[in-house]
Amino acid sequence: MTLAIKDKSNPQWRYERPHRVRLFRQSLHFHDAYKLNARQIYMHCAEHFSKTDQYRWVEENNIKIDYMSDDLVTSWHKTVIFYADLSESEYIDYALRFFKHKEEWK
């Protein structure tokens, strides 16, 4: 029996957009959030996000974004996070524009 050995390793898969970054995060106290449904919470946070430099960058570069929400029961807050999966060149552009030393940014 003969085994064929390839000279190069061939990855089985490769992500086109391997860099996930948080574009915006907002927390609402449960006292304010319990009166609103999920769409109203999303629209409230999206309105605040639309006033940021990151939003303008997303619009100018046609970046596809998504969001998630999380209930932080221990601190009585609902957190909404807008994020994007970026390609290598988009990630470099984002990092050069929005990196802040000693702050959580990615």
N, C-alpha and C. Protein backbone atom coordinates (compact mmCIF):
# COMPACT_ATOMS: atom_id res chain seq x y z
N MET A 1 0.85 -1.17 0.00
CA MET A 1 0.00 0.00 0.00
C MET A 1 0.90 1.24 0.00
N THR A 2 0.57 2.19 -0.85
CA THR A 2 1.35 3.42 -0.99
C THR A 2 0.52 4.60 -0.52
N LEU A 3 1.15 5.47 0.25
CA LEU A 3 0.48 6.66 0.72
C LEU A 3 0.98 7.87 -0.06
N ALA A 4 0.08 8.66 -0.55
CA ALA A 4 0.46 9.89 -1.25
C ALA A 4 0.48 11.03 -0.24
N ILE A 5 1.58 11.72 -0.17
CA ILE A 5 1.72 12.84 0.77
C ILE A 5 1.78 14.13 -0.03
N LYS A 6 0.94 15.05 0.32
CA LYS A 6 0.93 16.35 -0.35
C LYS A 6 2.00 17.24 0.24
N ASP A 7 2.65 18.02 -0.60
CA ASP A 7 3.68 18.95 -0.14
C ASP A 7 3.09 20.11 0.64
N LYS A 8 1.94 20.61 0.21
CA LYS A 8 1.31 21.76 0.85
C LYS A 8 0.11 21.31 1.65
N SER A 9 -0.08 21.93 2.77
CA SER A 9 -1.31 21.67 3.50
C SER A 9 -2.41 22.51 2.87
N ASN A 10 -3.53 21.92 2.69
CA ASN A 10 -4.66 22.58 2.06
C ASN A 10 -5.76 22.76 3.10
N PRO A 11 -6.05 23.98 3.53
CA PRO A 11 -7.10 24.14 4.54
C PRO A 11 -8.44 23.70 3.99
N GLN A 12 -9.22 23.08 4.84
CA GLN A 12 -10.52 22.59 4.40
C GLN A 12 -11.54 23.71 4.26
N TRP A 13 -11.37 24.75 5.01
CA TRP A 13 -12.29 25.89 4.94
C TRP A 13 -11.52 27.14 5.29
N ARG A 14 -12.08 28.25 4.89
CA ARG A 14 -11.47 29.54 5.19
C ARG A 14 -12.60 30.58 5.28
N TYR A 15 -12.57 31.33 6.35
CA TYR A 15 -13.56 32.38 6.51
C TYR A 15 -13.23 33.55 5.60
N GLU A 16 -14.24 34.07 4.94
CA GLU A 16 -14.03 35.27 4.13
C GLU A 16 -13.98 36.51 5.00
N ARG A 17 -14.67 36.47 6.12
CA ARG A 17 -14.73 37.62 7.02
C ARG A 17 -14.40 37.14 8.44
N PRO A 18 -13.12 36.95 8.74
CA PRO A 18 -12.75 36.32 10.01
C PRO A 18 -12.70 37.24 11.22
N HIS A 19 -12.90 38.53 11.04
CA HIS A 19 -12.74 39.48 12.15
C HIS A 19 -14.09 40.02 12.58
N ARG A 20 -14.52 39.67 13.79
CA ARG A 20 -15.77 40.20 14.33
C ARG A 20 -15.46 41.36 15.26
N VAL A 21 -16.10 42.48 15.02
CA VAL A 21 -15.91 43.66 15.87
C VAL A 21 -17.25 44.17 16.37
N ARG A 22 -17.21 44.70 17.58
CA ARG A 22 -18.40 45.37 18.14
C ARG A 22 -18.37 46.80 17.67
N LEU A 23 -19.42 47.20 17.02
CA LEU A 23 -19.50 48.57 16.52
C LEU A 23 -20.11 49.52 17.54
N PHE A 24 -21.04 48.99 18.33
CA PHE A 24 -21.77 49.84 19.26
C PHE A 24 -22.38 48.96 20.34
N ARG A 25 -22.41 49.47 21.55
CA ARG A 25 -23.04 48.74 22.66
C ARG A 25 -23.79 49.73 23.52
N GLN A 26 -25.02 49.37 23.88
CA GLN A 26 -25.81 50.23 24.76
C GLN A 26 -26.54 49.35 25.76
N SER A 27 -26.60 49.82 26.99
CA SER A 27 -27.31 49.10 28.04
C SER A 27 -28.52 49.91 28.47
N LEU A 28 -29.63 49.23 28.64
CA LEU A 28 -30.86 49.84 29.13
C LEU A 28 -31.18 49.20 30.47
N HIS A 29 -31.50 50.01 31.45
CA HIS A 29 -31.91 49.47 32.74
C HIS A 29 -33.25 48.75 32.56
N PHE A 30 -33.44 47.65 33.27
CA PHE A 30 -34.68 46.89 33.13
C PHE A 30 -35.91 47.74 33.43
N HIS A 31 -35.77 48.72 34.30
CA HIS A 31 -36.90 49.60 34.59
C HIS A 31 -37.39 50.31 33.33
N ASP A 32 -36.46 50.68 32.44
CA ASP A 32 -36.82 51.32 31.18
C ASP A 32 -37.16 50.29 30.10
N ALA A 33 -36.48 49.15 30.12
CA ALA A 33 -36.63 48.16 29.05
C ALA A 33 -37.91 47.33 29.15
N TYR A 34 -38.44 47.11 30.35
CA TYR A 34 -39.59 46.22 30.47
C TYR A 34 -40.85 46.81 29.83
N LYS A 35 -40.87 48.11 29.65
CA LYS A 35 -42.03 48.77 29.02
C LYS A 35 -42.01 48.62 27.50
N LEU A 36 -40.86 48.23 26.94
CA LEU A 36 -40.69 48.19 25.49
C LEU A 36 -40.65 46.77 24.98
N ASN A 37 -41.14 46.56 23.74
CA ASN A 37 -40.98 45.25 23.12
C ASN A 37 -39.62 45.20 22.42
N ALA A 38 -39.27 44.04 21.87
CA ALA A 38 -37.95 43.84 21.28
C ALA A 38 -37.67 44.82 20.14
N ARG A 39 -38.67 45.09 19.30
CA ARG A 39 -38.47 46.02 18.19
C ARG A 39 -38.22 47.44 18.70
N GLN A 40 -38.95 47.86 19.70
CA GLN A 40 -38.77 49.21 20.25
C GLN A 40 -37.38 49.35 20.88
N ILE A 41 -36.90 48.32 21.55
CA ILE A 41 -35.55 48.35 22.12
C ILE A 41 -34.53 48.47 21.01
N TYR A 42 -34.70 47.66 19.95
CA TYR A 42 -33.79 47.72 18.81
C TYR A 42 -33.78 49.12 18.19
N MET A 43 -34.95 49.69 17.95
CA MET A 43 -35.04 51.00 17.32
C MET A 43 -34.43 52.09 18.22
N HIS A 44 -34.62 51.97 19.51
CA HIS A 44 -34.03 52.94 20.45
C HIS A 44 -32.51 52.90 20.35
N CYS A 45 -31.94 51.71 20.36
CA CYS A 45 -30.48 51.57 20.29
C CYS A 45 -29.96 51.94 18.89
N ALA A 46 -30.70 51.57 17.85
CA ALA A 46 -30.29 51.90 16.49
C ALA A 46 -30.25 53.42 16.28
N GLU A 47 -31.18 54.12 16.90
CA GLU A 47 -31.18 55.58 16.80
C GLU A 47 -29.90 56.17 17.39
N HIS A 48 -29.48 55.65 18.54
CA HIS A 48 -28.24 56.13 19.15
C HIS A 48 -27.02 55.73 18.33
N PHE A 49 -27.04 54.51 17.78
CA PHE A 49 -25.94 54.04 16.95
C PHE A 49 -25.80 54.88 15.68
N SER A 50 -26.92 55.33 15.13
CA SER A 50 -26.89 56.08 13.88
C SER A 50 -26.21 57.45 14.02
N LYS A 51 -25.94 57.88 15.24
CA LYS A 51 -25.29 59.17 15.46
C LYS A 51 -23.78 59.04 15.65
N THR A 52 -23.22 57.82 15.48
CA THR A 52 -21.80 57.60 15.75
C THR A 52 -20.98 57.61 14.46
N ASP A 53 -19.67 57.77 14.63
CA ASP A 53 -18.74 57.71 13.50
C ASP A 53 -18.69 56.30 12.92
N GLN A 54 -18.84 55.28 13.77
CA GLN A 54 -18.83 53.90 13.29
C GLN A 54 -19.99 53.66 12.33
N TYR A 55 -21.14 54.24 12.62
CA TYR A 55 -22.29 54.08 11.73
C TYR A 55 -22.01 54.71 10.37
N ARG A 56 -21.43 55.89 10.36
CA ARG A 56 -21.10 56.54 9.08
C ARG A 56 -20.12 55.68 8.29
N TRP A 57 -19.14 55.09 8.98
CA TRP A 57 -18.17 54.21 8.31
C TRP A 57 -18.88 52.98 7.72
N VAL A 58 -19.81 52.40 8.47
CA VAL A 58 -20.57 51.24 7.99
C VAL A 58 -21.35 51.61 6.73
N GLU A 59 -22.00 52.74 6.75
CA GLU A 59 -22.79 53.19 5.60
C GLU A 59 -21.91 53.46 4.38
N GLU A 60 -20.79 54.12 4.58
CA GLU A 60 -19.90 54.45 3.46
C GLU A 60 -19.28 53.21 2.81
N ASN A 61 -19.08 52.15 3.61
CA ASN A 61 -18.41 50.95 3.11
C ASN A 61 -19.35 49.78 2.86
N ASN A 62 -20.65 50.00 2.98
CA ASN A 62 -21.66 48.96 2.75
C ASN A 62 -21.35 47.68 3.54
N ILE A 63 -21.11 47.84 4.83
CA ILE A 63 -20.82 46.72 5.71
C ILE A 63 -22.13 46.13 6.21
N LYS A 64 -22.23 44.81 6.16
CA LYS A 64 -23.42 44.13 6.69
C LYS A 64 -23.25 44.00 8.20
N ILE A 65 -24.22 44.49 8.95
CA ILE A 65 -24.14 44.41 10.41
C ILE A 65 -25.26 43.54 10.94
N ASP A 66 -25.10 43.13 12.18
CA ASP A 66 -26.11 42.35 12.87
C ASP A 66 -26.14 42.84 14.31
N TYR A 67 -27.06 42.33 15.10
CA TYR A 67 -27.11 42.74 16.49
C TYR A 67 -27.51 41.55 17.36
N MET A 68 -27.22 41.68 18.62
CA MET A 68 -27.65 40.69 19.60
C MET A 68 -28.03 41.43 20.86
N SER A 69 -28.85 40.82 21.67
CA SER A 69 -29.19 41.42 22.95
C SER A 69 -28.97 40.39 24.05
N ASP A 70 -28.70 40.90 25.23
CA ASP A 70 -28.40 40.04 26.35
C ASP A 70 -28.99 40.67 27.61
N ASP A 71 -29.56 39.84 28.45
CA ASP A 71 -30.07 40.32 29.73
C ASP A 71 -29.01 40.09 30.80
N LEU A 72 -28.55 41.17 31.37
CA LEU A 72 -27.57 41.08 32.44
C LEU A 72 -28.32 41.16 33.77
N VAL A 73 -28.75 40.01 34.22
CA VAL A 73 -29.62 39.95 35.39
C VAL A 73 -28.92 40.49 36.64
N THR A 74 -27.63 40.23 36.76
CA THR A 74 -26.93 40.66 37.97
C THR A 74 -26.85 42.18 38.09
N SER A 75 -26.86 42.88 36.97
CA SER A 75 -26.80 44.34 37.05
C SER A 75 -28.12 44.99 36.61
N TRP A 76 -29.14 44.18 36.37
CA TRP A 76 -30.46 44.68 36.00
C TRP A 76 -30.44 45.54 34.74
N HIS A 77 -29.74 45.05 33.72
CA HIS A 77 -29.66 45.77 32.46
C HIS A 77 -29.92 44.83 31.28
N LYS A 78 -30.41 45.39 30.21
CA LYS A 78 -30.49 44.70 28.91
C LYS A 78 -29.48 45.39 28.02
N THR A 79 -28.57 44.61 27.44
CA THR A 79 -27.52 45.16 26.60
C THR A 79 -27.77 44.78 25.15
N VAL A 80 -27.66 45.75 24.26
CA VAL A 80 -27.79 45.53 22.83
C VAL A 80 -26.43 45.83 22.20
N ILE A 81 -25.95 44.91 21.36
CA ILE A 81 -24.65 45.05 20.72
C ILE A 81 -24.83 44.95 19.21
N PHE A 82 -24.34 45.94 18.48
CA PHE A 82 -24.28 45.89 17.03
C PHE A 82 -22.87 45.44 16.66
N TYR A 83 -22.77 44.46 15.77
CA TYR A 83 -21.46 43.94 15.40
C TYR A 83 -21.41 43.65 13.91
N ALA A 84 -20.19 43.44 13.40
CA ALA A 84 -20.00 43.11 11.99
C ALA A 84 -18.84 42.13 11.86
N ASP A 85 -18.93 41.28 10.87
CA ASP A 85 -17.83 40.39 10.50
C ASP A 85 -17.11 41.04 9.33
N LEU A 86 -15.82 41.31 9.50
CA LEU A 86 -15.07 42.09 8.52
C LEU A 86 -14.01 41.25 7.83
N SER A 87 -13.72 41.63 6.59
CA SER A 87 -12.61 41.03 5.86
C SER A 87 -11.31 41.63 6.40
N GLU A 88 -10.19 41.13 5.93
CA GLU A 88 -8.89 41.62 6.39
C GLU A 88 -8.73 43.11 6.11
N SER A 89 -9.05 43.56 4.90
CA SER A 89 -8.87 44.97 4.55
C SER A 89 -9.85 45.87 5.32
N GLU A 90 -11.09 45.41 5.50
CA GLU A 90 -12.06 46.19 6.27
C GLU A 90 -11.63 46.29 7.73
N TYR A 91 -11.10 45.20 8.26
CA TYR A 91 -10.64 45.18 9.64
C TYR A 91 -9.48 46.16 9.86
N ILE A 92 -8.55 46.19 8.93
CA ILE A 92 -7.42 47.12 9.04
C ILE A 92 -7.93 48.56 8.98
N ASP A 93 -8.84 48.85 8.07
CA ASP A 93 -9.41 50.20 7.96
C ASP A 93 -10.13 50.56 9.25
N TYR A 94 -10.93 49.64 9.77
CA TYR A 94 -11.67 49.88 11.02
C TYR A 94 -10.71 50.14 12.18
N ALA A 95 -9.67 49.31 12.28
CA ALA A 95 -8.70 49.45 13.37
C ALA A 95 -7.98 50.80 13.30
N LEU A 96 -7.59 51.21 12.10
CA LEU A 96 -6.88 52.48 11.96
C LEU A 96 -7.77 53.67 12.30
N ARG A 97 -9.05 53.54 12.06
CA ARG A 97 -9.96 54.66 12.34
C ARG A 97 -10.42 54.72 13.79
N PHE A 98 -10.69 53.55 14.40
CA PHE A 98 -11.41 53.54 15.67
C PHE A 98 -10.66 52.94 16.85
N PHE A 99 -9.44 52.50 16.68
CA PHE A 99 -8.69 51.93 17.79
C PHE A 99 -8.40 53.01 18.83
N LYS A 100 -8.68 52.68 20.09
CA LYS A 100 -8.37 53.57 21.20
C LYS A 100 -7.53 52.80 22.20
N HIS A 101 -6.35 53.30 22.46
CA HIS A 101 -5.41 52.63 23.33
C HIS A 101 -5.99 52.43 24.73
N LYS A 102 -5.82 51.24 25.27
CA LYS A 102 -6.27 50.86 26.62
C LYS A 102 -7.77 50.91 26.79
N GLU A 103 -8.52 50.78 25.71
CA GLU A 103 -9.98 50.69 25.81
C GLU A 103 -10.43 49.44 25.08
N GLU A 104 -11.52 48.87 25.54
CA GLU A 104 -12.09 47.71 24.87
C GLU A 104 -12.76 48.21 23.59
N TRP A 105 -12.30 47.74 22.48
CA TRP A 105 -12.82 48.29 21.21
C TRP A 105 -13.19 47.22 20.21
N LYS A 106 -12.65 46.04 20.32
CA LYS A 106 -12.89 45.01 19.32
C LYS A 106 -14.00 44.10 19.76
